Amino acid sequence: MSAIVLIRHAETDIAGRFCGHSDPDLNSVGESQVIRLAEEVAMLGIEHIYSSDLRRASRTATAIGQRIGVDVNYLPGLREIHFGQWEGLSWQEIEDRFPDEAHQWLGEFPLRRAPGGEAYLAFTTRVEAAIEQLLSGATGGATAVVTHRGVMRHALTRFFGFSEEEAWSKTAPYGAIVTATERLWECEVLP
């Protein structure tokens, strides 16, 4: 495998809100982004596509796959972290409805989860298993991974040597494309 191309899904109507396991579809901006993404990715020599099974990522991956003629493999392990009772809320709404929990979460993250949400360790363990599965299973050519910002940030720092700051800035826009080469994951994943 020559490269991993991590792609953040296109925009939804829940943009700017906590959207973990919520399953919104793409909005009109997202539909336009998918067209641009498919054209950009078409030039990258993608031979394999893996995607979160949530609609915003799977719709993005399907459009890319149709454009380049590659089937999509869906991995639930590539889902965003589940935010529990905070799903679909803005930070202001969270502070208004859950002031104590919001304050504690800010001070104790990643050790504190959102009320009813997924623990960060469970999230990272799940993401690492999914990334290791696709890294060990794909051979030759580039592999696209269509997923969510939190997944991308963790994968970039854990497997590809990006700093937290780099991972944060590179994954900010919907439809972000970040290419990582094999130089770093070989020592991380292979025995």
N, C-alpha and C. Protein backbone atom coordinates (compact mmCIF):
# COMPACT_ATOMS: atom_id res chain seq x y z
N MET A 1 0.85 -1.17 0.00
CA MET A 1 0.00 0.00 0.00
C MET A 1 0.90 1.23 0.00
N SER A 2 0.63 2.16 -0.90
CA SER A 2 1.50 3.33 -0.99
C SER A 2 1.05 4.48 -0.11
N ALA A 3 -0.23 4.62 0.12
CA ALA A 3 -0.71 5.74 0.93
C ALA A 3 -2.09 5.44 1.50
N ILE A 4 -2.36 6.09 2.60
CA ILE A 4 -3.70 6.12 3.18
C ILE A 4 -4.21 7.54 2.96
N VAL A 5 -5.39 7.65 2.39
CA VAL A 5 -6.01 8.95 2.15
C VAL A 5 -7.22 9.04 3.08
N LEU A 6 -7.08 9.82 4.14
CA LEU A 6 -8.16 10.01 5.09
C LEU A 6 -9.04 11.16 4.61
N ILE A 7 -10.34 10.92 4.56
CA ILE A 7 -11.28 11.91 4.02
C ILE A 7 -12.39 12.14 5.04
N ARG A 8 -12.59 13.40 5.40
CA ARG A 8 -13.71 13.73 6.29
C ARG A 8 -14.97 13.83 5.44
N HIS A 9 -16.04 13.27 5.94
CA HIS A 9 -17.32 13.31 5.22
C HIS A 9 -17.74 14.74 4.90
N ALA A 10 -18.65 14.87 3.96
CA ALA A 10 -19.19 16.17 3.57
C ALA A 10 -20.16 16.69 4.63
N GLU A 11 -20.58 17.93 4.47
CA GLU A 11 -21.38 18.64 5.47
C GLU A 11 -22.82 18.14 5.61
N THR A 12 -23.34 18.27 6.83
CA THR A 12 -24.74 17.93 7.14
C THR A 12 -25.40 19.15 7.78
N ASP A 13 -26.69 19.04 8.05
CA ASP A 13 -27.40 20.13 8.73
C ASP A 13 -27.05 20.22 10.21
N ILE A 14 -26.28 19.27 10.73
CA ILE A 14 -25.87 19.31 12.13
C ILE A 14 -24.46 19.88 12.27
N ALA A 15 -23.95 20.49 11.22
CA ALA A 15 -22.61 21.09 11.25
C ALA A 15 -22.51 22.03 12.45
N GLY A 16 -21.41 21.92 13.19
CA GLY A 16 -21.19 22.77 14.35
C GLY A 16 -21.83 22.26 15.63
N ARG A 17 -22.40 21.08 15.58
CA ARG A 17 -23.03 20.47 16.75
C ARG A 17 -22.33 19.14 17.05
N PHE A 18 -22.57 18.60 18.23
CA PHE A 18 -22.00 17.31 18.59
C PHE A 18 -22.75 16.23 17.81
N CYS A 19 -22.08 15.64 16.87
CA CYS A 19 -22.70 14.67 15.96
C CYS A 19 -21.83 13.43 15.93
N GLY A 20 -22.03 12.55 16.86
CA GLY A 20 -21.25 11.32 16.94
C GLY A 20 -21.94 10.20 16.18
N HIS A 21 -22.83 9.49 16.87
CA HIS A 21 -23.56 8.39 16.22
C HIS A 21 -24.88 8.85 15.62
N SER A 22 -25.20 10.13 15.73
CA SER A 22 -26.36 10.65 15.02
C SER A 22 -26.15 10.35 13.54
N ASP A 23 -27.22 10.23 12.80
CA ASP A 23 -27.07 9.76 11.42
C ASP A 23 -27.76 10.68 10.40
N PRO A 24 -27.39 11.98 10.40
CA PRO A 24 -28.00 12.87 9.42
C PRO A 24 -27.46 12.63 8.02
N ASP A 25 -28.25 13.00 7.06
CA ASP A 25 -27.82 12.92 5.66
C ASP A 25 -27.04 14.19 5.32
N LEU A 26 -26.44 14.22 4.15
CA LEU A 26 -25.74 15.40 3.68
C LEU A 26 -26.75 16.50 3.37
N ASN A 27 -26.36 17.75 3.58
CA ASN A 27 -27.21 18.87 3.17
C ASN A 27 -26.81 19.31 1.76
N SER A 28 -27.38 20.39 1.26
CA SER A 28 -27.10 20.82 -0.12
C SER A 28 -25.63 21.22 -0.29
N VAL A 29 -25.03 21.83 0.73
CA VAL A 29 -23.60 22.15 0.66
C VAL A 29 -22.79 20.86 0.60
N GLY A 30 -23.17 19.89 1.41
CA GLY A 30 -22.49 18.60 1.42
C GLY A 30 -22.60 17.89 0.08
N GLU A 31 -23.76 17.97 -0.55
CA GLU A 31 -23.92 17.35 -1.88
C GLU A 31 -22.96 17.97 -2.89
N SER A 32 -22.77 19.29 -2.81
CA SER A 32 -21.81 19.96 -3.70
C SER A 32 -20.38 19.55 -3.36
N GLN A 33 -20.09 19.43 -2.07
CA GLN A 33 -18.75 19.01 -1.65
C GLN A 33 -18.41 17.62 -2.16
N VAL A 34 -19.39 16.73 -2.17
CA VAL A 34 -19.16 15.35 -2.63
C VAL A 34 -18.72 15.33 -4.09
N ILE A 35 -19.30 16.17 -4.90
CA ILE A 35 -18.92 16.23 -6.32
C ILE A 35 -17.46 16.65 -6.45
N ARG A 36 -17.06 17.68 -5.72
CA ARG A 36 -15.66 18.15 -5.74
C ARG A 36 -14.73 17.07 -5.19
N LEU A 37 -15.12 16.46 -4.07
CA LEU A 37 -14.29 15.41 -3.46
C LEU A 37 -14.05 14.26 -4.43
N ALA A 38 -15.11 13.80 -5.06
CA ALA A 38 -14.98 12.66 -5.98
C ALA A 38 -14.00 12.99 -7.11
N GLU A 39 -14.03 14.22 -7.59
CA GLU A 39 -13.09 14.62 -8.65
C GLU A 39 -11.66 14.69 -8.14
N GLU A 40 -11.47 15.26 -6.96
CA GLU A 40 -10.13 15.35 -6.38
C GLU A 40 -9.55 13.96 -6.10
N VAL A 41 -10.36 13.11 -5.51
CA VAL A 41 -9.89 11.77 -5.14
C VAL A 41 -9.64 10.91 -6.38
N ALA A 42 -10.34 11.18 -7.46
CA ALA A 42 -10.17 10.40 -8.69
C ALA A 42 -8.73 10.45 -9.19
N MET A 43 -8.00 11.48 -8.84
CA MET A 43 -6.62 11.64 -9.31
C MET A 43 -5.58 11.00 -8.39
N LEU A 44 -6.02 10.34 -7.32
CA LEU A 44 -5.09 9.84 -6.31
C LEU A 44 -4.75 8.35 -6.43
N GLY A 45 -5.29 7.68 -7.41
CA GLY A 45 -4.97 6.26 -7.59
C GLY A 45 -5.54 5.36 -6.52
N ILE A 46 -6.72 5.66 -6.02
CA ILE A 46 -7.35 4.87 -4.96
C ILE A 46 -7.75 3.50 -5.50
N GLU A 47 -7.35 2.46 -4.79
CA GLU A 47 -7.72 1.09 -5.16
C GLU A 47 -8.65 0.43 -4.16
N HIS A 48 -8.74 0.99 -2.95
CA HIS A 48 -9.59 0.45 -1.90
C HIS A 48 -10.27 1.62 -1.19
N ILE A 49 -11.53 1.43 -0.80
CA ILE A 49 -12.23 2.45 -0.02
C ILE A 49 -12.88 1.78 1.19
N TYR A 50 -12.60 2.34 2.36
CA TYR A 50 -13.25 1.94 3.60
C TYR A 50 -14.00 3.14 4.12
N SER A 51 -15.13 2.90 4.78
CA SER A 51 -15.94 4.01 5.27
C SER A 51 -16.66 3.63 6.56
N SER A 52 -16.90 4.66 7.37
CA SER A 52 -17.85 4.54 8.46
C SER A 52 -19.19 4.17 7.85
N ASP A 53 -20.00 3.44 8.60
CA ASP A 53 -21.31 3.06 8.08
C ASP A 53 -22.37 4.12 8.33
N LEU A 54 -22.03 5.23 8.99
CA LEU A 54 -23.00 6.30 9.20
C LEU A 54 -23.24 7.04 7.88
N ARG A 55 -24.46 7.47 7.67
CA ARG A 55 -24.92 8.00 6.38
C ARG A 55 -24.04 9.11 5.81
N ARG A 56 -23.61 10.06 6.63
CA ARG A 56 -22.82 11.18 6.10
C ARG A 56 -21.50 10.71 5.50
N ALA A 57 -20.89 9.71 6.11
CA ALA A 57 -19.65 9.16 5.57
C ALA A 57 -19.93 8.18 4.43
N SER A 58 -20.92 7.33 4.60
CA SER A 58 -21.18 6.32 3.57
C SER A 58 -21.65 6.97 2.26
N ARG A 59 -22.42 8.05 2.34
CA ARG A 59 -22.85 8.77 1.13
C ARG A 59 -21.65 9.40 0.43
N THR A 60 -20.73 9.95 1.22
CA THR A 60 -19.52 10.54 0.67
C THR A 60 -18.67 9.46 0.00
N ALA A 61 -18.48 8.34 0.68
CA ALA A 61 -17.67 7.24 0.15
C ALA A 61 -18.30 6.63 -1.10
N THR A 62 -19.61 6.48 -1.10
CA THR A 62 -20.31 5.91 -2.26
C THR A 62 -20.10 6.77 -3.49
N ALA A 63 -20.21 8.09 -3.33
CA ALA A 63 -20.00 8.99 -4.47
C ALA A 63 -18.58 8.88 -5.02
N ILE A 64 -17.61 8.78 -4.12
CA ILE A 64 -16.22 8.62 -4.55
C ILE A 64 -16.05 7.28 -5.26
N GLY A 65 -16.58 6.22 -4.66
CA GLY A 65 -16.47 4.89 -5.25
C GLY A 65 -17.11 4.81 -6.62
N GLN A 66 -18.27 5.42 -6.79
CA GLN A 66 -18.92 5.42 -8.10
C GLN A 66 -18.09 6.16 -9.12
N ARG A 67 -17.49 7.27 -8.71
CA ARG A 67 -16.68 8.07 -9.64
C ARG A 67 -15.45 7.31 -10.12
N ILE A 68 -14.83 6.53 -9.23
CA ILE A 68 -13.58 5.86 -9.60
C ILE A 68 -13.74 4.37 -9.86
N GLY A 69 -14.95 3.85 -9.69
CA GLY A 69 -15.19 2.44 -9.97
C GLY A 69 -14.64 1.49 -8.93
N VAL A 70 -14.69 1.88 -7.66
CA VAL A 70 -14.19 1.04 -6.58
C VAL A 70 -15.31 0.82 -5.56
N ASP A 71 -15.50 -0.43 -5.13
CA ASP A 71 -16.51 -0.75 -4.12
C ASP A 71 -16.08 -0.22 -2.76
N VAL A 72 -17.06 0.09 -1.92
CA VAL A 72 -16.81 0.60 -0.58
C VAL A 72 -17.02 -0.51 0.44
N ASN A 73 -16.07 -0.63 1.37
CA ASN A 73 -16.18 -1.55 2.50
C ASN A 73 -16.55 -0.74 3.74
N TYR A 74 -17.66 -1.08 4.39
CA TYR A 74 -18.14 -0.32 5.54
C TYR A 74 -17.67 -0.95 6.84
N LEU A 75 -17.06 -0.13 7.70
CA LEU A 75 -16.55 -0.60 8.98
C LEU A 75 -17.18 0.24 10.10
N PRO A 76 -18.06 -0.34 10.92
CA PRO A 76 -18.64 0.41 12.04
C PRO A 76 -17.58 0.96 12.99
N GLY A 77 -16.42 0.34 13.02
CA GLY A 77 -15.34 0.82 13.88
C GLY A 77 -14.84 2.20 13.50
N LEU A 78 -15.18 2.67 12.30
CA LEU A 78 -14.76 3.99 11.85
C LEU A 78 -15.77 5.09 12.20
N ARG A 79 -16.78 4.74 13.02
CA ARG A 79 -17.75 5.75 13.45
C ARG A 79 -17.09 6.77 14.39
N GLU A 80 -17.69 7.95 14.44
CA GLU A 80 -17.28 8.98 15.39
C GLU A 80 -17.60 8.50 16.80
N ILE A 81 -17.03 9.15 17.80
CA ILE A 81 -17.34 8.85 19.20
C ILE A 81 -18.83 9.16 19.44
N HIS A 82 -19.46 8.36 20.29
CA HIS A 82 -20.87 8.58 20.62
C HIS A 82 -20.94 9.59 21.77
N PHE A 83 -21.69 10.68 21.55
CA PHE A 83 -21.80 11.74 22.54
C PHE A 83 -23.00 11.61 23.47
N GLY A 84 -23.70 10.49 23.42
CA GLY A 84 -24.79 10.25 24.36
C GLY A 84 -25.86 11.32 24.33
N GLN A 85 -26.17 11.88 25.50
CA GLN A 85 -27.21 12.89 25.62
C GLN A 85 -26.85 14.22 24.96
N TRP A 86 -25.61 14.37 24.54
CA TRP A 86 -25.18 15.60 23.88
C TRP A 86 -25.32 15.54 22.37
N GLU A 87 -25.71 14.39 21.84
CA GLU A 87 -25.86 14.26 20.38
C GLU A 87 -26.80 15.34 19.84
N GLY A 88 -26.36 16.03 18.80
CA GLY A 88 -27.18 17.02 18.12
C GLY A 88 -27.20 18.39 18.78
N LEU A 89 -26.52 18.55 19.90
CA LEU A 89 -26.53 19.82 20.62
C LEU A 89 -25.31 20.66 20.28
N SER A 90 -25.46 21.97 20.34
CA SER A 90 -24.32 22.89 20.24
C SER A 90 -23.65 22.95 21.60
N TRP A 91 -22.43 23.50 21.65
CA TRP A 91 -21.75 23.63 22.94
C TRP A 91 -22.54 24.54 23.87
N GLN A 92 -23.14 25.60 23.33
CA GLN A 92 -23.94 26.50 24.17
C GLN A 92 -25.12 25.75 24.77
N GLU A 93 -25.79 24.92 23.99
CA GLU A 93 -26.91 24.13 24.51
C GLU A 93 -26.45 23.15 25.58
N ILE A 94 -25.28 22.57 25.38
CA ILE A 94 -24.72 21.65 26.37
C ILE A 94 -24.44 22.39 27.67
N GLU A 95 -23.81 23.56 27.58
CA GLU A 95 -23.53 24.35 28.79
C GLU A 95 -24.82 24.77 29.50
N ASP A 96 -25.86 25.08 28.72
CA ASP A 96 -27.14 25.49 29.32
C ASP A 96 -27.85 24.31 29.98
N ARG A 97 -27.86 23.15 29.35
CA ARG A 97 -28.61 22.00 29.85
C ARG A 97 -27.82 21.13 30.82
N PHE A 98 -26.52 21.09 30.64
CA PHE A 98 -25.65 20.21 31.45
C PHE A 98 -24.46 21.01 32.00
N PRO A 99 -24.70 22.07 32.75
CA PRO A 99 -23.58 22.94 33.15
C PRO A 99 -22.50 22.23 33.96
N ASP A 100 -22.90 21.40 34.91
CA ASP A 100 -21.89 20.70 35.72
C ASP A 100 -21.10 19.70 34.90
N GLU A 101 -21.82 18.90 34.11
CA GLU A 101 -21.16 17.90 33.27
C GLU A 101 -20.25 18.55 32.23
N ALA A 102 -20.69 19.67 31.65
CA ALA A 102 -19.87 20.37 30.65
C ALA A 102 -18.57 20.87 31.28
N HIS A 103 -18.67 21.45 32.47
CA HIS A 103 -17.48 21.95 33.17
C HIS A 103 -16.53 20.78 33.50
N GLN A 104 -17.08 19.69 34.02
CA GLN A 104 -16.26 18.53 34.36
C GLN A 104 -15.63 17.93 33.11
N TRP A 105 -16.39 17.85 32.03
CA TRP A 105 -15.88 17.26 30.78
C TRP A 105 -14.69 18.07 30.26
N LEU A 106 -14.81 19.40 30.28
CA LEU A 106 -13.70 20.24 29.82
C LEU A 106 -12.45 20.02 30.66
N GLY A 107 -12.63 19.87 31.96
CA GLY A 107 -11.49 19.71 32.84
C GLY A 107 -10.90 18.32 32.87
N GLU A 108 -11.69 17.32 32.51
CA GLU A 108 -11.23 15.94 32.67
C GLU A 108 -11.15 15.13 31.37
N PHE A 109 -11.48 15.74 30.24
CA PHE A 109 -11.39 15.00 28.98
C PHE A 109 -9.93 14.62 28.75
N PRO A 110 -9.61 13.43 28.34
CA PRO A 110 -10.46 12.38 27.79
C PRO A 110 -10.95 11.35 28.81
N LEU A 111 -10.72 11.61 30.08
CA LEU A 111 -11.13 10.63 31.09
C LEU A 111 -12.63 10.66 31.37
N ARG A 112 -13.29 11.77 31.09
CA ARG A 112 -14.73 11.88 31.34
C ARG A 112 -15.47 11.83 30.01
N ARG A 113 -16.52 11.02 30.00
CA ARG A 113 -17.35 10.91 28.79
C ARG A 113 -18.57 11.82 28.93
N ALA A 114 -19.19 12.11 27.80
CA ALA A 114 -20.46 12.84 27.82
C ALA A 114 -21.50 11.95 28.49
N PRO A 115 -22.51 12.53 29.14
CA PRO A 115 -23.54 11.71 29.79
C PRO A 115 -24.18 10.72 28.80
N GLY A 116 -24.09 9.44 29.15
CA GLY A 116 -24.64 8.40 28.28
C GLY A 116 -23.82 8.12 27.05
N GLY A 117 -22.65 8.73 26.95
CA GLY A 117 -21.81 8.59 25.76
C GLY A 117 -20.75 7.51 25.90
N GLU A 118 -19.96 7.41 24.86
CA GLU A 118 -18.89 6.41 24.78
C GLU A 118 -17.64 6.92 25.48
N ALA A 119 -16.99 6.07 26.23
CA ALA A 119 -15.72 6.42 26.86
C ALA A 119 -14.66 6.60 25.79
N TYR A 120 -13.78 7.56 26.00
CA TYR A 120 -12.74 7.85 25.00
C TYR A 120 -11.85 6.64 24.75
N LEU A 121 -11.52 5.89 25.80
CA LEU A 121 -10.69 4.70 25.62
C LEU A 121 -11.40 3.66 24.76
N ALA A 122 -12.70 3.49 24.94
CA ALA A 122 -13.46 2.56 24.10
C ALA A 122 -13.45 3.04 22.65
N PHE A 123 -13.61 4.34 22.45
CA PHE A 123 -13.56 4.93 21.11
C PHE A 123 -12.21 4.68 20.45
N THR A 124 -11.12 5.01 21.13
CA THR A 124 -9.80 4.86 20.52
C THR A 124 -9.46 3.40 20.27
N THR A 125 -9.86 2.51 21.16
CA THR A 125 -9.63 1.08 20.97
C THR A 125 -10.37 0.59 19.72
N ARG A 126 -11.61 1.03 19.55
CA ARG A 126 -12.42 0.65 18.39
C ARG A 126 -11.80 1.20 17.10
N VAL A 127 -11.39 2.46 17.12
CA VAL A 127 -10.80 3.08 15.93
C VAL A 127 -9.48 2.39 15.57
N GLU A 128 -8.65 2.12 16.56
CA GLU A 128 -7.36 1.47 16.29
C GLU A 128 -7.56 0.08 15.70
N ALA A 129 -8.53 -0.66 16.18
CA ALA A 129 -8.80 -1.99 15.62
C ALA A 129 -9.23 -1.88 14.17
N ALA A 130 -10.07 -0.91 13.86
CA ALA A 130 -10.53 -0.73 12.47
C ALA A 130 -9.38 -0.31 11.57
N ILE A 131 -8.55 0.63 12.01
CA ILE A 131 -7.43 1.10 11.19
C ILE A 131 -6.42 -0.03 11.00
N GLU A 132 -6.13 -0.78 12.06
CA GLU A 132 -5.20 -1.90 11.93
C GLU A 132 -5.74 -2.95 10.97
N GLN A 133 -7.05 -3.18 10.99
CA GLN A 133 -7.67 -4.14 10.07
C GLN A 133 -7.47 -3.70 8.63
N LEU A 134 -7.72 -2.45 8.33
CA LEU A 134 -7.59 -2.03 6.94
C LEU A 134 -6.13 -1.90 6.51
N LEU A 135 -5.24 -1.52 7.44
CA LEU A 135 -3.82 -1.44 7.09
C LEU A 135 -3.25 -2.82 6.79
N SER A 136 -3.66 -3.82 7.56
CA SER A 136 -3.12 -5.16 7.35
C SER A 136 -3.77 -5.87 6.18
N GLY A 137 -4.98 -5.47 5.81
CA GLY A 137 -5.71 -6.16 4.75
C GLY A 137 -5.51 -5.62 3.36
N ALA A 138 -5.15 -4.37 3.23
CA ALA A 138 -5.02 -3.77 1.90
C ALA A 138 -3.59 -3.92 1.39
N THR A 139 -3.49 -4.23 0.12
CA THR A 139 -2.17 -4.36 -0.51
C THR A 139 -2.16 -3.56 -1.80
N GLY A 140 -1.02 -2.96 -2.11
CA GLY A 140 -0.87 -2.20 -3.33
C GLY A 140 -1.80 -1.00 -3.39
N GLY A 141 -1.42 0.00 -4.15
CA GLY A 141 -2.27 1.14 -4.39
C GLY A 141 -2.65 1.91 -3.14
N ALA A 142 -3.29 3.02 -3.34
CA ALA A 142 -3.72 3.87 -2.23
C ALA A 142 -5.07 3.40 -1.70
N THR A 143 -5.29 3.63 -0.42
CA THR A 143 -6.54 3.29 0.24
C THR A 143 -7.18 4.55 0.79
N ALA A 144 -8.45 4.75 0.47
CA ALA A 144 -9.20 5.88 1.01
C ALA A 144 -9.99 5.41 2.23
N VAL A 145 -10.03 6.26 3.26
CA VAL A 145 -10.79 6.00 4.47
C VAL A 145 -11.70 7.22 4.68
N VAL A 146 -12.99 7.02 4.47
CA VAL A 146 -13.95 8.11 4.62
C VAL A 146 -14.59 7.99 6.00
N THR A 147 -14.39 9.01 6.81
CA THR A 147 -14.78 8.89 8.20
C THR A 147 -15.08 10.25 8.81
N HIS A 148 -14.82 10.42 10.08
CA HIS A 148 -15.21 11.59 10.85
C HIS A 148 -13.98 12.25 11.45
N ARG A 149 -14.15 13.50 11.86
CA ARG A 149 -13.01 14.27 12.34
C ARG A 149 -12.30 13.62 13.52
N GLY A 150 -13.04 13.15 14.51
CA GLY A 150 -12.42 12.53 15.68
C GLY A 150 -11.62 11.28 15.32
N VAL A 151 -12.16 10.49 14.42
CA VAL A 151 -11.46 9.28 13.96
C VAL A 151 -10.18 9.67 13.23
N MET A 152 -10.30 10.65 12.33
CA MET A 152 -9.13 11.09 11.58
C MET A 152 -8.05 11.63 12.51
N ARG A 153 -8.44 12.46 13.47
CA ARG A 153 -7.46 13.03 14.39
C ARG A 153 -6.73 11.94 15.15
N HIS A 154 -7.46 10.96 15.65
CA HIS A 154 -6.79 9.90 16.39
C HIS A 154 -5.88 9.07 15.49
N ALA A 155 -6.36 8.72 14.31
CA ALA A 155 -5.54 7.92 13.39
C ALA A 155 -4.27 8.68 12.99
N LEU A 156 -4.40 9.96 12.70
CA LEU A 156 -3.23 10.74 12.27
C LEU A 156 -2.17 10.83 13.36
N THR A 157 -2.61 10.97 14.61
CA THR A 157 -1.62 11.07 15.70
C THR A 157 -1.10 9.70 16.12
N ARG A 158 -1.94 8.70 16.12
CA ARG A 158 -1.54 7.36 16.60
C ARG A 158 -0.71 6.60 15.58
N PHE A 159 -1.09 6.66 14.31
CA PHE A 159 -0.45 5.83 13.29
C PHE A 159 0.49 6.56 12.36
N PHE A 160 0.32 7.86 12.18
CA PHE A 160 1.04 8.54 11.11
C PHE A 160 1.93 9.69 11.57
N GLY A 161 2.13 9.85 12.88
CA GLY A 161 3.11 10.80 13.38
C GLY A 161 2.73 12.27 13.31
N PHE A 162 1.46 12.58 13.11
CA PHE A 162 1.04 13.98 13.10
C PHE A 162 0.93 14.47 14.54
N SER A 163 1.22 15.74 14.75
CA SER A 163 1.00 16.33 16.07
C SER A 163 -0.50 16.59 16.24
N GLU A 164 -0.92 16.79 17.50
CA GLU A 164 -2.33 17.12 17.76
C GLU A 164 -2.74 18.37 16.99
N GLU A 165 -1.87 19.38 16.98
CA GLU A 165 -2.17 20.63 16.28
C GLU A 165 -2.35 20.42 14.79
N GLU A 166 -1.43 19.64 14.18
CA GLU A 166 -1.55 19.34 12.75
C GLU A 166 -2.84 18.59 12.46
N ALA A 167 -3.11 17.58 13.25
CA ALA A 167 -4.31 16.77 13.03
C ALA A 167 -5.57 17.62 13.20
N TRP A 168 -5.57 18.52 14.18
CA TRP A 168 -6.73 19.38 14.42
C TRP A 168 -6.97 20.29 13.22
N SER A 169 -5.92 20.94 12.73
CA SER A 169 -6.10 21.91 11.63
C SER A 169 -6.40 21.22 10.30
N LYS A 170 -5.76 20.11 10.03
CA LYS A 170 -5.96 19.44 8.74
C LYS A 170 -7.33 18.78 8.59
N THR A 171 -7.98 18.49 9.71
CA THR A 171 -9.28 17.81 9.65
C THR A 171 -10.45 18.76 9.84
N ALA A 172 -10.19 20.04 9.97
CA ALA A 172 -11.25 21.00 10.29
C ALA A 172 -12.34 21.09 9.22
N PRO A 173 -12.02 21.25 7.95
CA PRO A 173 -13.11 21.44 6.98
C PRO A 173 -13.83 20.13 6.64
N TYR A 174 -15.13 20.24 6.41
CA TYR A 174 -15.85 19.09 5.87
C TYR A 174 -15.26 18.81 4.50
N GLY A 175 -15.06 17.54 4.20
CA GLY A 175 -14.45 17.17 2.94
C GLY A 175 -12.93 17.27 2.95
N ALA A 176 -12.32 17.43 4.12
CA ALA A 176 -10.86 17.49 4.21
C ALA A 176 -10.26 16.19 3.69
N ILE A 177 -9.16 16.30 2.98
CA ILE A 177 -8.41 15.16 2.47
C ILE A 177 -7.00 15.24 3.04
N VAL A 178 -6.58 14.20 3.76
CA VAL A 178 -5.24 14.16 4.35
C VAL A 178 -4.59 12.85 3.92
N THR A 179 -3.46 12.97 3.23
CA THR A 179 -2.74 11.79 2.76
C THR A 179 -1.60 11.47 3.71
N ALA A 180 -1.52 10.22 4.12
CA ALA A 180 -0.44 9.75 4.99
C ALA A 180 0.30 8.63 4.25
N THR A 181 1.60 8.61 4.35
CA THR A 181 2.38 7.58 3.67
C THR A 181 2.70 6.44 4.62
N GLU A 182 3.20 5.36 4.07
CA GLU A 182 3.44 4.16 4.87
C GLU A 182 4.64 4.25 5.78
N ARG A 183 5.44 5.27 5.73
CA ARG A 183 6.67 5.33 6.51
C ARG A 183 6.47 5.12 8.00
N LEU A 184 5.34 5.57 8.54
CA LEU A 184 5.16 5.50 9.98
C LEU A 184 4.34 4.32 10.45
N TRP A 185 3.36 3.88 9.68
CA TRP A 185 2.50 2.84 10.24
C TRP A 185 3.14 1.48 10.26
N GLU A 186 4.15 1.24 9.44
CA GLU A 186 4.78 -0.07 9.45
C GLU A 186 5.31 -0.43 10.82
N CYS A 187 5.96 0.51 11.48
CA CYS A 187 6.51 0.21 12.79
C CYS A 187 5.42 0.20 13.87
N GLU A 188 4.30 0.82 13.59
CA GLU A 188 3.21 0.87 14.57
C GLU A 188 2.32 -0.38 14.52
N VAL A 189 2.06 -0.89 13.32
CA VAL A 189 1.06 -1.93 13.16
C VAL A 189 1.66 -3.31 13.03
N LEU A 190 2.71 -3.44 12.26
CA LEU A 190 3.28 -4.75 12.03
C LEU A 190 4.09 -5.21 13.24
N PRO A 191 4.11 -6.51 13.50
CA PRO A 191 4.87 -7.00 14.66
C PRO A 191 6.37 -6.83 14.51
